[in-house]
PDB file of N, CA and C in Angstrom:
ATOM      1  N   MET A   1     -17.715 -53.568  90.815  1.00  0.00           N
ATOM      2  CA  MET A   1     -17.329 -52.343  90.597  1.00  0.00           C
ATOM      3  C   MET A   1     -17.696 -51.895  91.926  1.00  0.00           C
ATOM      4  N   SER A   2     -18.688 -52.053  92.604  1.00  0.00           N
ATOM      5  CA  SER A   2     -19.004 -51.573  93.814  1.00  0.00           C
ATOM      6  C   SER A   2     -17.836 -51.546  94.907  1.00  0.00           C
ATOM      7  N   ILE A   3     -17.297 -52.621  94.923  1.00  0.00           N
ATOM      8  CA  ILE A   3     -16.291 -53.179  95.776  1.00  0.00           C
ATOM      9  C   ILE A   3     -14.608 -52.330  95.515  1.00  0.00           C
ATOM     10  N   ILE A   4     -14.636 -52.277  94.346  1.00  0.00           N
ATOM     11  CA  ILE A   4     -13.370 -51.792  93.972  1.00  0.00           C
ATOM     12  C   ILE A   4     -13.555 -50.148  94.572  1.00  0.00           C
ATOM     13  N   TRP A   5     -15.024 -49.324  94.252  1.00  0.00           N
ATOM     14  CA  TRP A   5     -15.076 -48.340  94.655  1.00  0.00           C
ATOM     15  C   TRP A   5     -15.167 -47.756  96.056  1.00  0.00           C
ATOM     16  N   THR A   6     -15.466 -48.995  96.792  1.00  0.00           N
ATOM     17  CA  THR A   6     -15.655 -48.608  98.226  1.00  0.00           C
ATOM     18  C   THR A   6     -14.005 -48.910  98.855  1.00  0.00           C
ATOM     19  N   ILE A   7     -13.136 -49.478  97.862  1.00  0.00           N
ATOM     20  CA  ILE A   7     -11.645 -49.564  98.667  1.00  0.00           C
ATOM     21  C   ILE A   7     -11.094 -48.307  97.934  1.00  0.00           C
ATOM     22  N   ILE A   8     -11.376 -47.364  96.814  1.00  0.00           N
ATOM     23  CA  ILE A   8     -10.911 -46.382  96.643  1.00  0.00           C
ATOM     24  C   ILE A   8     -11.006 -45.197  97.446  1.00  0.00           C
ATOM     25  N   ILE A   9     -12.608 -45.181  97.602  1.00  0.00           N
ATOM     26  CA  ILE A   9     -13.024 -44.315  98.711  1.00  0.00           C
ATOM     27  C   ILE A   9     -12.481 -44.308 100.427  1.00  0.00           C
ATOM     28  N   GLY A  10     -12.491 -45.775 100.572  1.00  0.00           N
ATOM     29  CA  GLY A  10     -11.766 -46.064 101.780  1.00  0.00           C
ATOM     30  C   GLY A  10     -10.593 -45.617 102.233  1.00  0.00           C
ATOM     31  N   PHE A  11      -9.677 -45.716 101.053  1.00  0.00           N
ATOM     32  CA  PHE A  11      -8.371 -45.132 101.150  1.00  0.00           C
ATOM     33  C   PHE A  11      -8.299 -43.898 101.141  1.00  0.00           C
ATOM     34  N   ILE A  12      -9.064 -43.081 100.254  1.00  0.00           N
ATOM     35  CA  ILE A  12      -9.168 -41.668 100.778  1.00  0.00           C
ATOM     36  C   ILE A  12      -9.397 -41.221 102.143  1.00  0.00           C
ATOM     37  N   ALA A  13     -10.746 -41.860 102.323  1.00  0.00           N
ATOM     38  CA  ALA A  13     -11.546 -41.743 103.806  1.00  0.00           C
ATOM     39  C   ALA A  13     -10.168 -42.261 104.933  1.00  0.00           C
ATOM     40  N   GLY A  14      -9.425 -43.202 104.561  1.00  0.00           N
ATOM     41  CA  GLY A  14      -8.561 -43.209 105.697  1.00  0.00           C
ATOM     42  C   GLY A  14      -7.580 -42.328 105.998  1.00  0.00           C
ATOM     43  N   VAL A  15      -6.999 -41.735 104.765  1.00  0.00           N
ATOM     44  CA  VAL A  15      -6.501 -40.479 104.986  1.00  0.00           C
ATOM     45  C   VAL A  15      -6.834 -39.214 105.694  1.00  0.00           C
ATOM     46  N   ILE A  16      -8.147 -38.920 105.416  1.00  0.00           N
ATOM     47  CA  ILE A  16      -8.957 -37.723 105.928  1.00  0.00           C
ATOM     48  C   ILE A  16      -9.170 -38.011 107.477  1.00  0.00           C
ATOM     49  N   ALA A  17      -9.403 -39.384 107.745  1.00  0.00           N
ATOM     50  CA  ALA A  17      -9.721 -39.586 109.154  1.00  0.00           C
ATOM     51  C   ALA A  17      -8.520 -39.237 110.077  1.00  0.00           C
ATOM     52  N   LYS A  18      -6.950 -39.748 109.305  1.00  0.00           N
ATOM     53  CA  LYS A  18      -6.215 -39.587 109.926  1.00  0.00           C
ATOM     54  C   LYS A  18      -5.611 -38.281 110.303  1.00  0.00           C
ATOM     55  N   PHE A  19      -5.984 -37.314 109.472  1.00  0.00           N
ATOM     56  CA  PHE A  19      -5.645 -35.912 109.543  1.00  0.00           C
ATOM     57  C   PHE A  19      -6.658 -35.425 110.612  1.00  0.00           C
ATOM     58  N   ILE A  20      -8.043 -35.837 110.735  1.00  0.00           N
ATOM     59  CA  ILE A  20      -9.315 -35.280 111.664  1.00  0.00           C
ATOM     60  C   ILE A  20      -8.703 -35.898 113.207  1.00  0.00           C
ATOM     61  N   MET A  21      -8.145 -37.207 113.128  1.00  0.00           N
ATOM     62  CA  MET A  21      -7.853 -37.873 114.375  1.00  0.00           C
ATOM     63  C   MET A  21      -6.563 -38.330 114.731  1.00  0.00           C
ATOM     64  N   PRO A  22      -5.600 -37.194 114.932  1.00  0.00           N
ATOM     65  CA  PRO A  22      -4.063 -37.391 114.634  1.00  0.00           C
ATOM     66  C   PRO A  22      -3.927 -37.958 116.356  1.00  0.00           C
ATOM     67  N   GLY A  23      -3.300 -38.798 116.661  1.00  0.00           N
ATOM     68  CA  GLY A  23      -2.819 -39.100 118.164  1.00  0.00           C
ATOM     69  C   GLY A  23      -1.978 -40.113 118.582  1.00  0.00           C
ATOM     70  N   ASP A  24      -1.117 -40.402 119.522  1.00  0.00           N
ATOM     71  CA  ASP A  24      -0.148 -41.031 119.971  1.00  0.00           C
ATOM     72  C   ASP A  24      -0.514 -42.468 119.657  1.00  0.00           C
ATOM     73  N   ASN A  25      -1.820 -42.870 120.018  1.00  0.00           N
ATOM     74  CA  ASN A  25      -2.239 -44.428 119.554  1.00  0.00           C
ATOM     75  C   ASN A  25      -2.624 -44.940 118.414  1.00  0.00           C
ATOM     76  N   GLU A  26      -2.658 -44.032 117.385  1.00  0.00           N
ATOM     77  CA  GLU A  26      -3.470 -44.299 116.050  1.00  0.00           C
ATOM     78  C   GLU A  26      -2.002 -44.855 115.610  1.00  0.00           C
ATOM     79  N   PRO A  27      -2.547 -45.338 114.453  1.00  0.00           N
ATOM     80  CA  PRO A  27      -1.537 -46.389 113.484  1.00  0.00           C
ATOM     81  C   PRO A  27      -0.688 -45.094 112.717  1.00  0.00           C
ATOM     82  N   SER A  28       0.723 -44.768 112.730  1.00  0.00           N
ATOM     83  CA  SER A  28       1.465 -44.199 112.173  1.00  0.00           C
ATOM     84  C   SER A  28       1.829 -44.574 110.470  1.00  0.00           C
ATOM     85  N   GLY A  29       1.588 -45.774 110.096  1.00  0.00           N
ATOM     86  CA  GLY A  29       2.286 -45.939 109.007  1.00  0.00           C
ATOM     87  C   GLY A  29       1.207 -45.923 107.678  1.00  0.00           C
ATOM     88  N   PHE A  30       1.314 -45.164 106.605  1.00  0.00           N
ATOM     89  CA  PHE A  30       0.665 -45.205 105.756  1.00  0.00           C
ATOM     90  C   PHE A  30      -0.286 -46.184 105.244  1.00  0.00           C
ATOM     91  N   ILE A  31       0.250 -47.299 105.107  1.00  0.00           N
ATOM     92  CA  ILE A  31      -0.252 -48.544 104.694  1.00  0.00           C
ATOM     93  C   ILE A  31      -1.229 -49.041 105.783  1.00  0.00           C
ATOM     94  N   LEU A  32      -1.076 -48.740 107.068  1.00  0.00           N
ATOM     95  CA  LEU A  32      -2.000 -49.258 108.350  1.00  0.00           C
ATOM     96  C   LEU A  32      -3.051 -48.131 108.347  1.00  0.00           C
ATOM     97  N   THR A  33      -2.883 -47.304 108.010  1.00  0.00           N
ATOM     98  CA  THR A  33      -3.841 -46.104 107.667  1.00  0.00           C
ATOM     99  C   THR A  33      -5.029 -46.434 106.814  1.00  0.00           C
ATOM    100  N   SER A  34      -4.460 -46.425 105.602  1.00  0.00           N
ATOM    101  CA  SER A  34      -5.242 -47.044 104.437  1.00  0.00           C
ATOM    102  C   SER A  34      -6.178 -48.074 104.785  1.00  0.00           C
ATOM    103  N   ILE A  35      -5.323 -49.112 105.334  1.00  0.00           N
ATOM    104  CA  ILE A  35      -6.405 -50.442 105.517  1.00  0.00           C
ATOM    105  C   ILE A  35      -7.432 -50.131 106.451  1.00  0.00           C
ATOM    106  N   LEU A  36      -7.222 -49.307 107.491  1.00  0.00           N
ATOM    107  CA  LEU A  36      -8.300 -49.229 108.413  1.00  0.00           C
ATOM    108  C   LEU A  36      -9.166 -48.209 107.838  1.00  0.00           C
ATOM    109  N   GLY A  37      -8.902 -47.484 106.685  1.00  0.00           N
ATOM    110  CA  GLY A  37      -9.888 -46.689 106.341  1.00  0.00           C
ATOM    111  C   GLY A  37     -10.881 -47.428 105.320  1.00  0.00           C
ATOM    112  N   ILE A  38      -9.879 -48.414 104.525  1.00  0.00           N
ATOM    113  CA  ILE A  38     -10.749 -49.349 103.695  1.00  0.00           C
ATOM    114  C   ILE A  38     -11.799 -49.808 104.592  1.00  0.00           C
ATOM    115  N   VAL A  39     -11.203 -50.634 105.765  1.00  0.00           N
ATOM    116  CA  VAL A  39     -12.285 -51.277 106.379  1.00  0.00           C
ATOM    117  C   VAL A  39     -13.369 -50.481 107.031  1.00  0.00           C
ATOM    118  N   GLY A  40     -13.135 -49.353 107.409  1.00  0.00           N
ATOM    119  CA  GLY A  40     -14.058 -48.193 107.835  1.00  0.00           C
ATOM    120  C   GLY A  40     -15.115 -47.886 106.617  1.00  0.00           C
ATOM    121  N   ALA A  41     -14.863 -47.951 105.422  1.00  0.00           N
ATOM    122  CA  ALA A  41     -15.600 -47.875 104.545  1.00  0.00           C
ATOM    123  C   ALA A  41     -16.685 -48.948 104.095  1.00  0.00           C
ATOM    124  N   PHE A  42     -15.888 -50.050 104.570  1.00  0.00           N
ATOM    125  CA  PHE A  42     -16.749 -51.166 104.366  1.00  0.00           C
ATOM    126  C   PHE A  42     -17.903 -51.415 105.431  1.00  0.00           C
ATOM    127  N   VAL A  43     -17.408 -50.878 106.624  1.00  0.00           N
ATOM    128  CA  VAL A  43     -18.441 -50.864 108.031  1.00  0.00           C
ATOM    129  C   VAL A  43     -19.469 -49.814 107.813  1.00  0.00           C
ATOM    130  N   ALA A  44     -19.019 -48.764 107.126  1.00  0.00           N
ATOM    131  CA  ALA A  44     -19.948 -47.984 106.948  1.00  0.00           C
ATOM    132  C   ALA A  44     -20.953 -48.317 105.842  1.00  0.00           C
ATOM    133  N   THR A  45     -20.549 -48.935 104.840  1.00  0.00           N
ATOM    134  CA  THR A  45     -21.611 -49.777 103.955  1.00  0.00           C
ATOM    135  C   THR A  45     -22.595 -50.533 104.456  1.00  0.00           C
ATOM    136  N   TYR A  46     -22.003 -51.517 105.504  1.00  0.00           N
ATOM    137  CA  TYR A  46     -22.612 -52.522 106.029  1.00  0.00           C
ATOM    138  C   TYR A  46     -23.765 -51.940 106.962  1.00  0.00           C
ATOM    139  N   LEU A  47     -23.297 -50.876 107.677  1.00  0.00           N
ATOM    140  CA  LEU A  47     -24.285 -50.493 108.800  1.00  0.00           C
ATOM    141  C   LEU A  47     -25.298 -49.313 108.068  1.00  0.00           C
ATOM    142  N   GLY A  48     -24.583 -48.905 106.806  1.00  0.00           N
ATOM    143  CA  GLY A  48     -25.496 -47.997 106.002  1.00  0.00           C
ATOM    144  C   GLY A  48     -26.653 -49.108 105.527  1.00  0.00           C
ATOM    145  N   GLN A  49     -26.586 -50.145 105.110  1.00  0.00           N
ATOM    146  CA  GLN A  49     -27.289 -50.905 104.352  1.00  0.00           C
ATOM    147  C   GLN A  49     -28.394 -51.571 105.309  1.00  0.00           C
ATOM    148  N   ALA A  50     -27.671 -51.889 106.768  1.00  0.00           N
ATOM    149  CA  ALA A  50     -28.520 -52.473 107.384  1.00  0.00           C
ATOM    150  C   ALA A  50     -29.770 -51.590 108.082  1.00  0.00           C
ATOM    151  N   LEU A  51     -29.374 -50.220 108.289  1.00  0.00           N
ATOM    152  CA  LEU A  51     -29.984 -49.244 108.771  1.00  0.00           C
ATOM    153  C   LEU A  51     -30.962 -48.593 107.661  1.00  0.00           C
ATOM    154  N   GLY A  52     -30.772 -48.948 106.263  1.00  0.00           N
ATOM    155  CA  GLY A  52     -31.558 -48.549 105.275  1.00  0.00           C
ATOM    156  C   GLY A  52     -31.390 -47.370 104.596  1.00  0.00           C
ATOM    157  N   TRP A  53     -30.311 -46.689 104.902  1.00  0.00           N
ATOM    158  CA  TRP A  53     -29.689 -45.568 104.221  1.00  0.00           C
ATOM    159  C   TRP A  53     -29.196 -45.853 102.587  1.00  0.00           C
ATOM    160  N   TYR A  54     -28.597 -46.826 102.871  1.00  0.00           N
ATOM    161  CA  TYR A  54     -27.826 -47.101 101.079  1.00  0.00           C
ATOM    162  C   TYR A  54     -28.836 -48.651 100.641  1.00  0.00           C
ATOM    163  N   ARG A  55     -29.131 -48.708  99.691  1.00  0.00           N
ATOM    164  CA  ARG A  55     -29.536 -49.767  98.693  1.00  0.00           C
ATOM    165  C   ARG A  55     -28.960 -50.963  98.782  1.00  0.00           C
ATOM    166  N   PRO A  56     -29.246 -52.389  98.738  1.00  0.00           N
ATOM    167  CA  PRO A  56     -28.128 -53.451  98.663  1.00  0.00           C
ATOM    168  C   PRO A  56     -27.239 -52.980  97.297  1.00  0.00           C
ATOM    169  N   GLY A  57     -26.237 -53.182  97.262  1.00  0.00           N
ATOM    170  CA  GLY A  57     -25.149 -52.993  96.493  1.00  0.00           C
ATOM    171  C   GLY A  57     -24.457 -51.791  95.992  1.00  0.00           C
ATOM    172  N   GLU A  58     -25.202 -50.989  97.099  1.00  0.00           N
ATOM    173  CA  GLU A  58     -24.901 -49.382  96.981  1.00  0.00           C
ATOM    174  C   GLU A  58     -24.108 -49.303  97.610  1.00  0.00           C
ATOM    175  N   GLY A  59     -22.786 -48.254  97.852  1.00  0.00           N
ATOM    176  CA  GLY A  59     -21.733 -48.264  98.624  1.00  0.00           C
ATOM    177  C   GLY A  59     -21.869 -47.140  99.310  1.00  0.00           C
ATOM    178  N   ALA A  60     -20.965 -46.885 100.839  1.00  0.00           N
ATOM    179  CA  ALA A  60     -20.886 -45.621 101.425  1.00  0.00           C
ATOM    180  C   ALA A  60     -20.389 -44.615 100.757  1.00  0.00           C
ATOM    181  N   GLY A  61     -20.767 -43.355 100.735  1.00  0.00           N
ATOM    182  CA  GLY A  61     -20.046 -42.125 100.126  1.00  0.00           C
ATOM    183  C   GLY A  61     -19.032 -41.939 100.916  1.00  0.00           C
ATOM    184  N   LEU A  62     -18.557 -40.534 100.601  1.00  0.00           N
ATOM    185  CA  LEU A  62     -17.238 -40.250 101.067  1.00  0.00           C
ATOM    186  C   LEU A  62     -17.219 -39.735 102.558  1.00  0.00           C
ATOM    187  N   ILE A  63     -18.345 -38.917 103.084  1.00  0.00           N
ATOM    188  CA  ILE A  63     -18.752 -38.724 104.249  1.00  0.00           C
ATOM    189  C   ILE A  63     -18.826 -39.809 105.103  1.00  0.00           C
ATOM    190  N   GLY A  64     -19.576 -40.564 104.488  1.00  0.00           N
ATOM    191  CA  GLY A  64     -20.007 -42.140 105.720  1.00  0.00           C
ATOM    192  C   GLY A  64     -18.697 -42.963 105.905  1.00  0.00           C
ATOM    193  N   ALA A  65     -18.046 -42.919 104.916  1.00  0.00           N
ATOM    194  CA  ALA A  65     -16.612 -43.645 104.972  1.00  0.00           C
ATOM    195  C   ALA A  65     -15.667 -43.039 105.614  1.00  0.00           C
ATOM    196  N   VAL A  66     -15.606 -41.818 105.663  1.00  0.00           N
ATOM    197  CA  VAL A  66     -14.712 -41.280 106.804  1.00  0.00           C
ATOM    198  C   VAL A  66     -15.391 -41.155 108.136  1.00  0.00           C
ATOM    199  N   VAL A  67     -16.547 -41.283 108.351  1.00  0.00           N
ATOM    200  CA  VAL A  67     -17.129 -41.504 109.822  1.00  0.00           C
ATOM    201  C   VAL A  67     -16.882 -42.884 110.186  1.00  0.00           C
ATOM    202  N   GLY A  68     -16.995 -44.017 108.941  1.00  0.00           N
ATOM    203  CA  GLY A  68     -16.551 -45.151 109.476  1.00  0.00           C
ATOM    204  C   GLY A  68     -15.402 -45.518 109.588  1.00  0.00           C
ATOM    205  N   ALA A  69     -14.285 -44.638 109.336  1.00  0.00           N
ATOM    206  CA  ALA A  69     -13.268 -44.955 109.159  1.00  0.00           C
ATOM    207  C   ALA A  69     -12.655 -44.392 110.723  1.00  0.00           C
ATOM    208  N   ILE A  70     -13.315 -43.047 110.722  1.00  0.00           N
ATOM    209  CA  ILE A  70     -12.869 -42.745 112.261  1.00  0.00           C
ATOM    210  C   ILE A  70     -13.598 -43.513 113.261  1.00  0.00           C
ATOM    211  N   LEU A  71     -14.580 -44.325 113.226  1.00  0.00           N
ATOM    212  CA  LEU A  71     -14.900 -45.062 114.302  1.00  0.00           C
ATOM    213  C   LEU A  71     -13.830 -45.963 114.375  1.00  0.00           C
ATOM    214  N   VAL A  72     -13.612 -46.854 113.245  1.00  0.00           N
ATOM    215  CA  VAL A  72     -12.422 -47.877 113.371  1.00  0.00           C
ATOM    216  C   VAL A  72     -11.258 -47.453 113.992  1.00  0.00           C
ATOM    217  N   LEU A  73     -10.771 -46.291 113.686  1.00  0.00           N
ATOM    218  CA  LEU A  73      -9.332 -45.473 114.209  1.00  0.00           C
ATOM    219  C   LEU A  73      -9.577 -45.758 116.051  1.00  0.00           C
ATOM    220  N   LEU A  74     -11.425 -45.115 116.152  1.00  0.00           N
ATOM    221  CA  LEU A  74     -11.277 -45.090 117.602  1.00  0.00           C
ATOM    222  C   LEU A  74     -11.199 -46.291 118.277  1.00  0.00           C
ATOM    223  N   VAL A  75     -11.594 -47.625 117.840  1.00  0.00           N
ATOM    224  CA  VAL A  75     -11.442 -48.595 118.134  1.00  0.00           C
ATOM    225  C   VAL A  75     -10.163 -49.078 118.190  1.00  0.00           C
ATOM    226  N   TYR A  76      -9.278 -48.930 116.819  1.00  0.00           N
ATOM    227  CA  TYR A  76      -8.050 -49.093 117.333  1.00  0.00           C
ATOM    228  C   TYR A  76      -7.192 -49.077 117.993  1.00  0.00           C
ATOM    229  N   GLY A  77      -7.665 -47.179 118.362  1.00  0.00           N
ATOM    230  CA  GLY A  77      -6.692 -46.623 119.285  1.00  0.00           C
ATOM    231  C   GLY A  77      -6.889 -47.349 120.898  1.00  0.00           C
ATOM    232  N   LEU A  78      -8.380 -47.631 120.872  1.00  0.00           N
ATOM    233  CA  LEU A  78      -8.751 -48.106 122.253  1.00  0.00           C
ATOM    234  C   LEU A  78      -7.695 -49.566 122.425  1.00  0.00           C
ATOM    235  N   VAL A  79      -7.734 -50.526 121.541  1.00  0.00           N
ATOM    236  CA  VAL A  79      -7.140 -51.787 121.470  1.00  0.00           C
ATOM    237  C   VAL A  79      -5.754 -51.737 121.631  1.00  0.00           C
ATOM    238  N   ALA A  80      -5.068 -50.802 120.917  1.00  0.00           N
ATOM    239  CA  ALA A  80      -3.816 -50.756 120.750  1.00  0.00           C
ATOM    240  C   ALA A  80      -3.263 -49.768 121.676  1.00  0.00           C
ATOM    241  N   GLY A  81      -4.007 -49.050 122.158  1.00  0.00           N
ATOM    242  CA  GLY A  81      -3.963 -48.410 123.678  1.00  0.00           C
ATOM    243  C   GLY A  81      -3.580 -48.930 125.011  1.00  0.00           C
ATOM    244  N   GLY A  82      -4.202 -50.228 125.133  1.00  0.00           N
ATOM    245  CA  GLY A  82      -4.289 -51.143 126.270  1.00  0.00           C
ATOM    246  C   GLY A  82      -3.277 -51.913 126.034  1.00  0.00           C
ATOM    247  N   ARG A  83      -3.002 -52.228 124.746  1.00  0.00           N
ATOM    248  CA  ARG A  83      -1.487 -53.055 124.675  1.00  0.00           C
ATOM    249  C   ARG A  83      -0.100 -52.423 124.896  1.00  0.00           C
ATOM    250  N   ARG A  84      -0.098 -51.080 124.539  1.00  0.00           N
ATOM    251  CA  ARG A  84       0.898 -50.446 124.695  1.00  0.00           C
ATOM    252  C   ARG A  84       1.415 -49.834 126.160  1.00  0.00           C
ATOM    253  N   ARG A  85       0.534 -49.990 127.233  1.00  0.00           N
ATOM    254  CA  ARG A  85       0.720 -49.396 128.345  1.00  0.00           C
ATOM    255  C   ARG A  85       1.801 -50.622 128.574  1.00  0.00           C
ATOM    256  N   THR A  86       2.776 -49.617 129.792  1.00  0.00           N
ATOM    257  CA  THR A  86       3.738 -50.365 130.284  1.00  0.00           C
ATOM    258  C   THR A  86       4.126 -49.736 131.575  1.00  0.00           C
ATOM    259  N   ILE A  87       4.506 -50.989 132.378  1.00  0.00           N
ATOM    260  CA  ILE A  87       4.466 -50.440 134.174  1.00  0.00           C
ATOM    261  C   ILE A  87       5.896 -50.296 134.217  1.00  0.00           C
TER     262      ILE A  87
END
C-alpha cells in the first residue's frame, strides 16, 4: 500500500511543484509533470529513509514529495535546457 500512496502523493506533488517552479525548460505536459512528481516522491522517500528521517516502509509526506519533485524538475530543466539550445 505504501507504493500506491507514494504514487498518489507524487502526483499531487508534481502538480504543486510545477506551480512553484514554472519555467521555459520545465515540462509543459500534464502527464510528464505528474511522472516527474511521482519520481520526486520516490526520490524523497529513498533519501529520507537513507538519512533516517523515515522508517523502512514509510513513504515521504506531501512536503517531502514536493521538495523531491522540485529537485527532479531542477535536474530535468538542466538536462533539457542543455539539449534545447540552438545555434
